[in-house]
Amino acid sequence: MTFASRQEAGQRLGQYLSQLNLETDLVLGLPRGGVIVAAEVAKVLARPLDVLVVRKIGHPWHREFAVGAMAEDGTVIVDDEAAQRTGVQPADLQEVIAEERRRLMEYRAKFHRPDRPELNGRSVLIVDDGLATGATAEVAVRAAKAQNARAVAVAAPVASETAVERLAKLASQVLAVLIDPEFDAVGRYYASFPQTTDAEVQQILATGA
């Protein structure tokens, strides 16, 4: 284990970014677990906290295996190679996309505040609790750019080399406390990695914004 909890991981990530003199106007957490990490980063960097809602598009028969992702602005990316390699038919994937879009809209209704800050012209830092494939972070970067963010960086406590290489093509910076060439599941790097609830996210956003 590398991190005791998401909170401790966020504190260490924040300190790491502070040492690098990272400059950003706004910290955006990816729900749900990424918001806990982002809240700690925002505290260390003394920057406002908000959320950018994304959803993983899981394989129809193995939902934990991501074949794409979508963001709150309607941006959708699909890994066609992974889908074809695993025998996913377009119709099967469309059902998953429709389901995840409904969940994304529910998250928007729960997590967005009326006075949420604009991204236009601002530098933003997207934070998650770990970068496995990088799919959800990629769609978040694309969504932030579509909202005319001036610069978009990505940070996480732990990341795979594959995710870092993928995101480096889009983000201004990709930073992690640990980049593991033998990356496994995100939860393997945490001593405590419970499911984050909607209520936890809402409380964090209400008190940490």
Protein backbone atom coordinates (compact mmCIF):
# COMPACT_ATOMS: atom_id res chain seq x y z
CA MET A 1 0.00 0.00 0.00
CA THR A 2 1.19 3.51 -0.80
CA PHE A 3 -1.57 5.72 0.65
CA ALA A 4 -3.53 5.35 3.87
CA SER A 5 -6.69 6.92 2.43
CA ARG A 6 -7.91 9.31 -0.24
CA GLN A 7 -7.55 12.18 2.24
CA GLU A 8 -3.93 11.35 2.98
CA ALA A 9 -3.23 10.82 -0.71
CA GLY A 10 -4.71 14.24 -1.47
CA GLN A 11 -2.53 15.89 1.16
CA ARG A 12 0.60 14.26 -0.25
CA LEU A 13 -0.38 15.13 -3.80
CA GLY A 14 -1.05 18.72 -2.79
CA GLN A 15 2.35 18.98 -1.12
CA TYR A 16 4.01 17.48 -4.19
CA LEU A 17 2.30 19.99 -6.49
CA SER A 18 3.18 22.83 -4.14
CA GLN A 19 6.84 21.83 -4.26
CA LEU A 20 6.64 21.96 -8.05
CA ASN A 21 5.17 25.47 -7.80
CA LEU A 22 2.17 24.39 -9.85
CA GLU A 23 0.03 27.38 -10.75
CA THR A 24 -3.69 26.92 -11.25
CA ASP A 25 -6.83 28.99 -10.79
CA LEU A 26 -9.24 26.18 -9.96
CA VAL A 27 -9.13 22.55 -8.77
CA LEU A 28 -11.69 20.22 -10.36
CA GLY A 29 -12.36 16.83 -8.77
CA LEU A 30 -13.74 13.89 -10.75
CA PRO A 31 -16.61 12.27 -8.87
CA ARG A 32 -16.85 10.49 -6.80
CA GLY A 33 -13.56 9.43 -5.19
CA GLY A 34 -11.53 12.07 -6.99
CA VAL A 35 -13.42 14.84 -5.22
CA ILE A 36 -12.05 13.72 -1.84
CA VAL A 37 -8.49 13.89 -3.17
CA ALA A 38 -9.17 17.18 -4.96
CA ALA A 39 -10.51 18.79 -1.77
CA GLU A 40 -7.22 18.14 0.02
CA VAL A 41 -5.21 19.41 -2.97
CA ALA A 42 -7.32 22.57 -3.08
CA LYS A 43 -6.64 23.19 0.62
CA VAL A 44 -2.87 22.86 0.21
CA LEU A 45 -2.80 25.03 -2.90
CA ALA A 46 -5.34 27.49 -1.46
CA ARG A 47 -7.48 27.37 -4.59
CA PRO A 48 -11.24 27.06 -5.15
CA LEU A 49 -12.72 23.59 -5.50
CA ASP A 50 -15.35 22.43 -7.96
CA VAL A 51 -16.36 19.28 -9.79
CA LEU A 52 -16.30 18.17 -13.41
CA VAL A 53 -18.76 15.33 -13.89
CA VAL A 54 -17.58 12.36 -15.94
CA ARG A 55 -18.67 8.75 -16.28
CA LYS A 56 -16.77 5.68 -17.39
CA ILE A 57 -18.30 3.69 -20.25
CA GLY A 58 -17.76 0.13 -19.12
CA HIS A 59 -17.64 -3.00 -21.23
CA PRO A 60 -21.21 -4.37 -21.47
CA TRP A 61 -20.17 -7.68 -19.85
CA HIS A 62 -17.31 -6.43 -17.66
CA ARG A 63 -18.33 -3.00 -16.42
CA GLU A 64 -15.07 -2.35 -14.58
CA PHE A 65 -13.19 -2.56 -17.88
CA ALA A 66 -13.45 0.88 -19.49
CA VAL A 67 -13.97 1.10 -23.24
CA GLY A 68 -14.66 4.82 -23.15
CA ALA A 69 -15.91 7.76 -21.10
CA MET A 70 -18.24 10.75 -21.26
CA ALA A 71 -18.28 14.22 -19.72
CA GLU A 72 -20.99 16.60 -18.57
CA ASP A 73 -20.81 18.74 -21.73
CA GLY A 74 -21.74 15.78 -23.94
CA THR A 75 -18.18 14.84 -24.94
CA VAL A 76 -17.90 11.07 -25.51
CA ILE A 77 -14.80 9.03 -26.35
CA VAL A 78 -14.81 5.32 -27.20
CA ASP A 79 -11.80 3.06 -27.57
CA ASP A 80 -12.88 1.40 -30.80
CA GLU A 81 -9.90 -0.96 -30.79
CA ALA A 82 -10.70 -2.26 -27.30
CA ALA A 83 -14.38 -2.61 -28.17
CA GLN A 84 -13.68 -4.55 -31.36
CA ARG A 85 -11.02 -6.69 -29.71
CA THR A 86 -13.46 -7.81 -27.03
CA GLY A 87 -16.36 -8.40 -29.40
CA VAL A 88 -18.59 -5.50 -28.35
CA GLN A 89 -21.39 -4.76 -30.80
CA PRO A 90 -22.40 -1.11 -31.37
CA ALA A 91 -25.94 -1.81 -30.13
CA ASP A 92 -24.63 -3.27 -26.85
CA LEU A 93 -22.39 -0.26 -26.30
CA GLN A 94 -25.20 2.20 -27.03
CA GLU A 95 -27.21 0.69 -24.18
CA VAL A 96 -24.32 1.28 -21.78
CA ILE A 97 -23.81 4.83 -23.08
CA ALA A 98 -27.49 5.64 -22.60
CA GLU A 99 -27.41 4.26 -19.05
CA GLU A 100 -24.27 6.20 -18.14
CA ARG A 101 -25.68 9.38 -19.66
CA ARG A 102 -28.69 9.11 -17.34
CA ARG A 103 -26.37 8.67 -14.36
CA LEU A 104 -24.24 11.59 -15.49
CA MET A 105 -27.29 13.86 -15.60
CA GLU A 106 -28.22 12.73 -12.09
CA TYR A 107 -24.72 13.63 -10.90
CA ARG A 108 -24.93 17.04 -12.53
CA ALA A 109 -28.18 17.74 -10.71
CA LYS A 110 -26.67 16.63 -7.39
CA PHE A 111 -23.20 18.19 -7.59
CA HIS A 112 -23.48 21.40 -9.60
CA ARG A 113 -23.90 24.64 -7.66
CA PRO A 114 -25.75 27.65 -9.10
CA ASP A 115 -22.70 29.85 -8.61
CA ARG A 116 -20.09 27.41 -9.94
CA PRO A 117 -17.09 29.18 -11.49
CA GLU A 118 -16.60 29.55 -15.23
CA LEU A 119 -13.64 27.81 -16.85
CA ASN A 120 -13.31 30.33 -19.66
CA GLY A 121 -9.82 31.85 -19.63
CA ARG A 122 -8.77 30.09 -16.43
CA SER A 123 -6.10 27.48 -15.76
CA VAL A 124 -7.59 24.36 -14.18
CA LEU A 125 -6.25 21.30 -12.43
CA ILE A 126 -8.23 18.07 -12.88
CA VAL A 127 -7.74 15.63 -9.99
CA ASP A 128 -8.71 11.98 -9.62
CA ASP A 129 -7.83 9.33 -7.02
CA GLY A 130 -5.90 7.33 -9.64
CA LEU A 131 -5.29 7.13 -13.38
CA ALA A 132 -5.68 3.60 -14.73
CA THR A 133 -6.47 3.83 -18.46
CA GLY A 134 -6.77 7.61 -18.42
CA ALA A 135 -10.12 7.49 -20.25
CA THR A 136 -12.16 9.50 -17.76
CA ALA A 137 -9.39 12.03 -17.27
CA GLU A 138 -9.05 12.41 -21.04
CA VAL A 139 -12.72 13.18 -21.52
CA ALA A 140 -12.51 15.64 -18.61
CA VAL A 141 -9.59 17.42 -20.26
CA ARG A 142 -11.50 17.62 -23.53
CA ALA A 143 -14.56 18.98 -21.73
CA ALA A 144 -12.52 21.65 -19.92
CA LYS A 145 -10.93 22.70 -23.20
CA ALA A 146 -14.37 22.88 -24.81
CA GLN A 147 -15.27 25.37 -22.08
CA ASN A 148 -12.26 27.46 -23.15
CA ALA A 149 -10.03 26.78 -20.16
CA ARG A 150 -6.70 28.52 -20.75
CA ALA A 151 -4.63 25.55 -19.55
CA VAL A 152 -5.60 22.10 -18.29
CA ALA A 153 -3.34 20.01 -16.04
CA VAL A 154 -4.11 16.56 -14.62
CA ALA A 155 -2.90 15.17 -11.29
CA ALA A 156 -3.45 12.02 -9.24
CA PRO A 157 -1.72 10.24 -6.38
CA VAL A 158 -0.97 7.22 -8.60
CA ALA A 159 -1.01 6.60 -12.34
CA SER A 160 -0.11 4.00 -14.92
CA GLU A 161 2.53 4.79 -17.53
CA THR A 162 -0.10 4.19 -20.20
CA ALA A 163 -2.43 6.82 -18.73
CA VAL A 164 0.36 9.39 -18.37
CA GLU A 165 1.43 8.88 -22.00
CA ARG A 166 -2.16 9.13 -23.17
CA LEU A 167 -2.93 12.31 -21.25
CA ALA A 168 0.38 14.01 -22.07
CA LYS A 169 -0.89 14.39 -25.64
CA LEU A 170 -3.76 16.60 -24.46
CA ALA A 171 -3.02 18.13 -21.06
CA SER A 172 -0.52 20.89 -20.35
CA GLN A 173 0.91 18.75 -17.52
CA VAL A 174 0.29 15.25 -16.13
CA LEU A 175 1.56 14.81 -12.57
CA ALA A 176 1.47 11.95 -10.07
CA VAL A 177 3.19 11.10 -6.81
CA LEU A 178 3.71 7.56 -8.13
CA ILE A 179 3.84 6.41 -11.76
CA ASP A 180 3.93 2.63 -11.70
CA PRO A 181 5.01 0.67 -14.81
CA GLU A 182 3.33 -2.38 -13.26
CA PHE A 183 0.11 -0.54 -12.39
CA ASP A 184 -2.77 -2.69 -11.23
CA ALA A 185 -6.14 -1.46 -9.93
CA VAL A 186 -6.27 1.96 -8.24
CA GLY A 187 -7.57 0.48 -5.00
CA ARG A 188 -4.43 -1.64 -4.60
CA TYR A 189 -2.46 1.49 -3.73
CA TYR A 190 -4.72 2.44 -0.81
CA ALA A 191 -4.96 0.85 2.64
CA SER A 192 -8.53 2.20 2.88
CA PHE A 193 -10.49 2.63 -0.36
CA PRO A 194 -14.22 2.60 0.43
CA GLN A 195 -16.93 3.54 -2.04
CA THR A 196 -17.50 7.30 -1.92
CA THR A 197 -21.15 8.31 -1.49
CA ASP A 198 -23.05 11.10 -3.20
CA ALA A 199 -23.65 12.68 0.21
CA GLU A 200 -19.91 12.83 0.91
CA VAL A 201 -19.29 14.58 -2.40
CA GLN A 202 -22.10 17.05 -1.81
CA GLN A 203 -20.79 17.89 1.68
CA ILE A 204 -17.24 18.37 0.42
CA LEU A 205 -18.38 20.66 -2.39
CA ALA A 206 -20.59 22.64 -0.03
CA THR A 207 -17.84 23.21 2.54
CA GLY A 208 -14.74 23.21 0.37
CA ALA A 209 -15.78 25.49 -2.47
